[in-house]
Amino acid sequence: MTKSRFTSAGVTILLVLLACTPLVAQRKRNGQQIILPPATLSSPEPTAQTGEIIGKRIIYDDGVTLDVDDTWKQGDRIWYRLQGTSQSVNREVRNIENRYKESVATNKTAPATKTVEPKAPPVAAATWIYLVDGARLRVDEVREVADGAWYNRDSVTVFLDRERIARIEREQPEAATANSTDWKQHGWSSGNVSIDHLIRTHAARFAIDPYLVFLVIEQESHFHPRALSPKGARGLMQLMPGTARRFGVGRPFDPAENIRGGTQYLKQLLTMFNGRVDLALASYNAGEGRVLDYGNRVPPFKETREYVKRISSRYRNHSIQDESRPVAPSPRRRK
């Protein structure tokens, strides 16, 4: 009887202990009972999205979204860039967030790897500004405004008047691929493959930057081989008869002869003034005698100063504060 009373009391105590302790998991190992602590349940915390940022997402007040390449704030306005074109936002914006490159989930068991030929990086579509004189210029970005357009090329920002722009075109990717080599080497075009070739050929012959020759021709004749000024300057680089004879140009309306003579003359002026582009341009416009008369300085003639400022500012890589707006070319002389 005593033994039964103690047994009942032990069972009662065990039941009380089990009721007062948290729910536990039990299992047996080698015939012994093992009590395990209860598992802690927790919900995973959301993690911030990370990875490669590929652009921005504009979220408007009405919930509409727009995926763009980049955004920035200028004054009180928000601007965005999409496919090489910049525009201002004309609606109320709720938020702007980063867009990330989507990650591809991978299986735990990686498949057998195989060699894959690396693909060439895609070529960005080109943006070309076509001028009314037939020339064109490739740019990194263009932003049109009421009276013209601002364009970026490398680190330089330039303004073009609306009256000088014929049209702005953005090439398709396949066209950009075909022209990528020419862009890397030159970045400019007269709109005529033959004239471009003559500029590069004679610039290399006389060791002068072809882009400088390109700018002089654009200012002088707008790439018209039969251009004739009221003072008798002829051809693409507008050689006066005396200058043409001086450099052996017998047919001034022949593009090959004219560009060769004009490039040789420009090179001679650069050599004379120790590489000073401004003085060489002033001499090409007004004659080297005038530059020498004014003590190796740009003569105080409005036409000459505008000529030098326009070409040299486009030729140099400097900030927009030093950049002048294009001025319409006027007939000129060559002594």
Protein backbone atom coordinates (compact mmCIF):
# COMPACT_ATOMS: atom_id res chain seq x y z
CA MET A 1 0.00 0.00 0.00
CA THR A 2 2.82 2.40 0.84
CA LYS A 3 4.59 1.60 -2.41
CA SER A 4 1.44 2.32 -4.44
CA ARG A 5 0.99 5.72 -2.66
CA PHE A 6 4.53 6.80 -3.54
CA THR A 7 4.11 5.68 -7.13
CA SER A 8 0.95 7.71 -7.54
CA ALA A 9 2.60 10.77 -6.02
CA GLY A 10 5.53 10.49 -8.45
CA VAL A 11 3.22 10.32 -11.43
CA THR A 12 1.35 13.37 -10.18
CA ILE A 13 4.56 15.39 -9.76
CA LEU A 14 5.74 14.42 -13.26
CA LEU A 15 2.45 15.54 -14.81
CA VAL A 16 2.66 18.88 -12.99
CA LEU A 17 6.22 19.46 -14.24
CA LEU A 18 5.22 18.69 -17.82
CA ALA A 19 2.32 21.09 -17.62
CA CYS A 20 4.53 23.91 -16.32
CA THR A 21 7.27 23.59 -18.91
CA PRO A 22 7.12 24.76 -22.58
CA LEU A 23 6.24 22.28 -25.24
CA VAL A 24 9.31 20.26 -26.03
CA ALA A 25 10.31 17.75 -28.65
CA GLN A 26 11.38 14.31 -27.49
CA ARG A 27 13.28 11.48 -29.07
CA LYS A 28 15.19 8.42 -27.93
CA ARG A 29 18.85 7.72 -28.38
CA ASN A 30 20.38 4.38 -27.23
CA GLY A 31 17.29 3.65 -25.21
CA GLN A 32 17.42 6.97 -23.25
CA GLN A 33 14.84 9.69 -23.52
CA ILE A 34 16.25 13.10 -24.56
CA ILE A 35 14.28 16.31 -24.13
CA LEU A 36 15.06 19.02 -26.73
CA PRO A 37 14.38 22.75 -26.24
CA PRO A 38 11.55 24.14 -28.35
CA ALA A 39 12.48 25.68 -31.74
CA THR A 40 12.35 29.45 -32.06
CA LEU A 41 10.01 30.59 -34.85
CA SER A 42 10.88 33.81 -36.66
CA SER A 43 9.94 35.36 -39.98
CA PRO A 44 12.80 36.36 -42.29
CA GLU A 45 13.51 40.08 -42.47
CA PRO A 46 13.26 41.67 -45.93
CA THR A 47 16.67 42.45 -47.41
CA ALA A 48 17.49 45.58 -49.38
CA GLN A 49 17.86 45.05 -53.10
CA THR A 50 21.47 45.07 -54.21
CA GLY A 51 23.42 44.45 -57.37
CA GLU A 52 24.40 46.37 -60.47
CA ILE A 53 22.47 49.63 -60.94
CA ILE A 54 21.33 49.92 -64.56
CA GLY A 55 19.20 53.08 -64.38
CA LYS A 56 16.51 54.99 -62.56
CA ARG A 57 12.73 54.60 -62.21
CA ILE A 58 10.59 57.74 -61.95
CA ILE A 59 7.36 57.20 -60.03
CA TYR A 60 4.76 59.91 -60.70
CA ASP A 61 2.04 60.97 -58.25
CA ASP A 62 -0.62 59.06 -60.22
CA GLY A 63 1.36 55.81 -59.91
CA VAL A 64 2.67 55.77 -63.49
CA THR A 65 6.34 54.79 -63.74
CA LEU A 66 9.03 55.59 -66.31
CA ASP A 67 12.33 53.71 -66.61
CA VAL A 68 15.18 55.99 -67.71
CA ASP A 69 18.98 55.90 -67.94
CA ASP A 70 19.69 58.66 -65.41
CA THR A 71 18.08 61.54 -63.53
CA TRP A 72 19.34 64.77 -61.99
CA LYS A 73 18.00 68.01 -60.58
CA GLN A 74 18.84 71.38 -62.08
CA GLY A 75 17.37 74.32 -60.18
CA ASP A 76 13.75 73.48 -59.40
CA ARG A 77 13.35 71.05 -62.32
CA ILE A 78 14.03 67.35 -62.57
CA TRP A 79 15.76 66.16 -65.76
CA TYR A 80 16.18 62.66 -67.11
CA ARG A 81 18.20 61.02 -69.89
CA LEU A 82 16.73 58.28 -72.08
CA GLN A 83 18.52 56.81 -75.12
CA GLY A 84 20.90 59.76 -75.45
CA THR A 85 18.24 62.48 -75.14
CA SER A 86 17.68 64.69 -72.09
CA GLN A 87 14.27 66.10 -71.18
CA SER A 88 12.72 67.80 -68.18
CA VAL A 89 9.90 66.24 -66.16
CA ASN A 90 6.62 68.11 -66.59
CA ARG A 91 4.57 66.13 -64.03
CA GLU A 92 4.56 65.79 -60.27
CA VAL A 93 7.04 63.16 -59.09
CA ARG A 94 6.40 61.02 -56.03
CA ASN A 95 9.75 59.22 -55.88
CA ILE A 96 12.83 58.24 -57.87
CA GLU A 97 14.47 54.88 -57.21
CA ASN A 98 17.36 52.86 -58.59
CA ARG A 99 16.80 50.05 -61.08
CA TYR A 100 18.93 46.95 -60.61
CA LYS A 101 20.00 44.26 -62.99
CA GLU A 102 17.86 41.19 -62.44
CA SER A 103 19.75 38.27 -60.94
CA VAL A 104 19.15 34.80 -62.34
CA ALA A 105 18.44 32.10 -59.73
CA THR A 106 20.82 29.16 -59.90
CA ASN A 107 20.22 25.53 -58.94
CA LYS A 108 22.08 24.06 -55.99
CA THR A 109 23.53 21.42 -58.28
CA ALA A 110 25.49 23.32 -60.90
CA PRO A 111 25.33 21.81 -64.37
CA ALA A 112 28.46 20.84 -66.17
CA THR A 113 30.24 23.95 -67.46
CA LYS A 114 31.07 24.43 -71.09
CA THR A 115 33.25 26.92 -72.87
CA VAL A 116 31.32 29.88 -74.28
CA GLU A 117 32.86 32.31 -76.72
CA PRO A 118 32.85 35.84 -75.25
CA LYS A 119 30.47 38.21 -76.97
CA ALA A 120 31.56 41.63 -78.11
CA PRO A 121 30.01 44.44 -76.06
CA PRO A 122 27.05 46.11 -77.77
CA VAL A 123 27.81 49.32 -79.64
CA ALA A 124 25.84 52.33 -78.43
CA ALA A 125 23.57 53.90 -81.03
CA ALA A 126 25.07 57.07 -82.47
CA THR A 127 23.45 60.50 -82.37
CA TRP A 128 24.25 62.75 -85.34
CA ILE A 129 23.56 66.45 -85.77
CA TYR A 130 23.18 67.37 -89.46
CA LEU A 131 23.94 71.01 -90.24
CA VAL A 132 22.26 73.01 -92.98
CA ASP A 133 25.55 73.24 -94.89
CA GLY A 134 25.70 69.45 -95.35
CA ALA A 135 28.15 68.66 -92.54
CA ARG A 136 27.34 66.37 -89.67
CA LEU A 137 28.81 65.78 -86.23
CA ARG A 138 28.45 62.76 -83.96
CA VAL A 139 27.75 63.63 -80.33
CA ASP A 140 27.38 61.77 -77.05
CA GLU A 141 24.16 63.50 -76.03
CA VAL A 142 21.92 66.26 -77.37
CA ARG A 143 19.28 68.38 -75.63
CA GLU A 144 16.98 70.46 -77.81
CA VAL A 145 15.69 73.82 -76.60
CA ALA A 146 13.52 76.49 -78.19
CA ASP A 147 16.32 78.40 -79.96
CA GLY A 148 18.67 75.51 -80.76
CA ALA A 149 20.33 72.54 -79.13
CA TRP A 150 23.05 71.81 -76.56
CA TYR A 151 25.23 68.81 -77.33
CA ASN A 152 27.93 67.00 -75.37
CA ARG A 153 31.01 65.50 -76.95
CA ASP A 154 33.57 63.98 -74.57
CA SER A 155 33.75 66.58 -71.77
CA VAL A 156 32.75 69.60 -73.90
CA THR A 157 29.26 71.14 -74.07
CA VAL A 158 28.43 73.24 -77.16
CA PHE A 159 25.38 75.25 -78.24
CA LEU A 160 24.12 75.32 -81.84
CA ASP A 161 21.59 77.86 -83.12
CA ARG A 162 18.36 76.40 -84.49
CA GLU A 163 18.96 78.01 -87.89
CA ARG A 164 22.18 75.99 -88.34
CA ILE A 165 20.59 72.59 -87.62
CA ALA A 166 18.99 70.67 -90.47
CA ARG A 167 17.97 67.64 -88.42
CA ILE A 168 19.04 65.36 -85.56
CA GLU A 169 19.12 61.61 -86.11
CA ARG A 170 19.80 58.61 -83.91
CA GLU A 171 21.18 55.57 -85.69
CA GLN A 172 19.93 52.06 -85.22
CA PRO A 173 22.39 49.68 -83.47
CA GLU A 174 23.40 47.95 -86.71
CA ALA A 175 24.23 51.29 -88.35
CA ALA A 176 26.21 52.32 -85.29
CA THR A 177 28.24 49.11 -85.54
CA ALA A 178 29.13 49.82 -89.16
CA ASN A 179 30.35 53.34 -88.30
CA SER A 180 32.01 52.59 -84.94
CA THR A 181 35.54 52.42 -86.33
CA ASP A 182 35.20 55.75 -88.16
CA TRP A 183 33.78 57.41 -85.05
CA LYS A 184 36.59 56.21 -82.81
CA GLN A 185 39.18 57.59 -85.21
CA HIS A 186 37.49 60.81 -86.30
CA GLY A 187 34.15 61.71 -84.71
CA TRP A 188 33.21 64.06 -87.54
CA SER A 189 32.04 63.93 -91.14
CA SER A 190 31.43 66.47 -93.90
CA GLY A 191 28.61 64.32 -95.23
CA ASN A 192 30.78 63.38 -98.23
CA VAL A 193 32.99 60.29 -97.97
CA SER A 194 35.35 61.55 -100.68
CA ILE A 195 35.94 64.91 -98.98
CA ASP A 196 36.44 63.20 -95.61
CA HIS A 197 39.09 61.00 -97.21
CA LEU A 198 40.88 64.01 -98.74
CA ILE A 199 40.90 65.81 -95.38
CA ARG A 200 42.41 62.82 -93.60
CA THR A 201 44.92 62.11 -96.38
CA HIS A 202 46.35 65.63 -96.65
CA ALA A 203 46.23 66.22 -92.89
CA ALA A 204 48.38 63.11 -92.43
CA ARG A 205 50.68 64.25 -95.25
CA PHE A 206 51.39 67.59 -93.56
CA ALA A 207 51.17 66.31 -89.95
CA ILE A 208 48.19 68.42 -88.91
CA ASP A 209 45.05 67.49 -87.01
CA PRO A 210 42.34 66.62 -89.57
CA TYR A 211 39.63 67.97 -87.27
CA LEU A 212 41.20 71.45 -87.48
CA VAL A 213 41.16 71.22 -91.30
CA PHE A 214 37.54 70.07 -91.10
CA LEU A 215 36.58 73.11 -89.00
CA VAL A 216 38.35 75.54 -91.35
CA ILE A 217 36.57 74.09 -94.39
CA GLU A 218 33.21 74.20 -92.61
CA GLN A 219 33.70 77.88 -91.80
CA GLU A 220 35.16 78.83 -95.17
CA SER A 221 32.91 77.09 -97.71
CA HIS A 222 30.42 74.86 -95.89
CA PHE A 223 31.99 71.98 -97.91
CA HIS A 224 30.92 73.33 -101.31
CA PRO A 225 33.75 72.58 -103.80
CA ARG A 226 32.71 75.39 -106.18
CA ALA A 227 32.21 78.09 -103.56
CA LEU A 228 33.27 81.56 -104.83
CA SER A 229 33.35 84.67 -102.65
CA PRO A 230 32.81 88.24 -103.96
CA LYS A 231 36.53 88.88 -103.35
CA GLY A 232 37.59 85.91 -105.49
CA ALA A 233 38.33 83.25 -102.83
CA ARG A 234 37.69 79.85 -104.39
CA GLY A 235 36.91 76.28 -103.47
CA LEU A 236 36.49 74.40 -100.22
CA MET A 237 39.15 76.25 -98.23
CA GLN A 238 38.52 79.54 -100.08
CA LEU A 239 41.97 80.15 -101.50
CA MET A 240 42.67 83.54 -103.05
CA PRO A 241 44.35 83.37 -106.50
CA GLY A 242 47.71 84.47 -105.12
CA THR A 243 47.64 81.85 -102.36
CA ALA A 244 46.60 79.17 -104.85
CA ARG A 245 49.59 79.99 -107.09
CA ARG A 246 51.89 80.10 -104.08
CA PHE A 247 51.06 76.49 -103.23
CA GLY A 248 50.78 75.16 -106.76
CA VAL A 249 46.99 74.87 -106.93
CA GLY A 250 46.26 75.11 -110.65
CA ARG A 251 42.62 74.01 -110.40
CA PRO A 252 41.15 75.67 -107.29
CA PHE A 253 37.73 74.07 -107.82
CA ASP A 254 39.21 70.58 -107.76
CA PRO A 255 38.66 69.32 -104.18
CA ALA A 256 41.89 67.31 -104.07
CA GLU A 257 44.12 70.21 -105.20
CA ASN A 258 42.29 72.80 -103.13
CA ILE A 259 42.33 70.85 -99.86
CA ARG A 260 45.96 69.92 -100.40
CA GLY A 261 46.96 73.58 -100.93
CA GLY A 262 44.82 74.89 -98.08
CA THR A 263 46.11 72.26 -95.65
CA GLN A 264 49.70 73.01 -96.65
CA TYR A 265 49.09 76.72 -96.09
CA LEU A 266 47.52 76.07 -92.67
CA LYS A 267 50.47 73.90 -91.68
CA GLN A 268 52.92 76.63 -92.75
CA LEU A 269 51.07 79.15 -90.58
CA LEU A 270 51.14 76.82 -87.56
CA THR A 271 54.88 76.37 -88.03
CA MET A 272 55.42 80.12 -88.42
CA PHE A 273 53.64 80.87 -85.14
CA ASN A 274 55.05 77.93 -83.14
CA GLY A 275 51.83 75.93 -83.05
CA ARG A 276 49.60 78.83 -81.94
CA VAL A 277 46.24 77.82 -83.39
CA ASP A 278 44.69 81.25 -82.79
CA LEU A 279 47.43 83.08 -84.69
CA ALA A 280 47.38 80.53 -87.52
CA LEU A 281 43.62 80.97 -87.88
CA ALA A 282 43.93 84.76 -87.76
CA SER A 283 46.56 84.60 -90.51
CA TYR A 284 44.38 82.27 -92.61
CA ASN A 285 41.55 84.79 -92.35
CA ALA A 286 43.34 88.13 -92.60
CA GLY A 287 46.80 87.19 -93.91
CA GLU A 288 49.96 86.54 -91.91
CA GLY A 289 51.21 90.06 -92.67
CA ARG A 290 48.39 91.56 -90.59
CA VAL A 291 49.21 89.31 -87.62
CA LEU A 292 52.88 90.33 -87.82
CA ASP A 293 51.89 94.01 -88.08
CA TYR A 294 50.03 93.72 -84.78
CA GLY A 295 52.96 92.15 -82.94
CA ASN A 296 52.00 88.48 -83.30
CA ARG A 297 48.52 89.10 -81.98
CA VAL A 298 45.06 88.56 -83.44
CA PRO A 299 44.22 91.76 -85.39
CA PRO A 300 41.38 93.85 -83.92
CA PHE A 301 39.03 93.13 -86.84
CA LYS A 302 35.57 91.94 -85.86
CA GLU A 303 35.37 89.32 -88.62
CA THR A 304 38.83 87.93 -87.83
CA ARG A 305 38.23 87.78 -84.10
CA GLU A 306 34.88 86.02 -84.53
CA TYR A 307 36.51 83.62 -87.00
CA VAL A 308 39.31 82.75 -84.57
CA LYS A 309 37.00 82.51 -81.58
CA ARG A 310 34.49 80.25 -83.26
CA ILE A 311 36.98 77.72 -84.64
CA SER A 312 39.48 77.67 -81.79
CA SER A 313 36.77 77.35 -79.13
CA ARG A 314 35.33 74.32 -80.90
CA TYR A 315 38.78 72.89 -81.42
CA ARG A 316 39.87 73.14 -77.80
CA ASN A 317 38.43 71.04 -74.98
CA HIS A 318 37.30 73.62 -72.49
CA SER A 319 34.20 74.58 -70.51
CA ILE A 320 31.03 76.11 -71.86
CA GLN A 321 31.92 79.49 -70.33
CA ASP A 322 34.65 79.90 -72.95
CA GLU A 323 32.48 78.63 -75.81
CA SER A 324 30.97 81.20 -78.16
CA ARG A 325 27.84 80.70 -80.14
CA PRO A 326 28.35 80.02 -83.86
CA VAL A 327 28.40 83.08 -86.08
CA ALA A 328 27.44 83.14 -89.73
CA PRO A 329 30.53 83.08 -91.97
CA SER A 330 31.11 86.00 -94.30
CA PRO A 331 33.14 86.30 -97.53
CA ARG A 332 36.83 86.76 -96.94
CA ARG A 333 40.12 87.35 -98.58
CA ARG A 334 43.49 85.67 -98.78
CA LYS A 335 46.59 87.73 -99.42
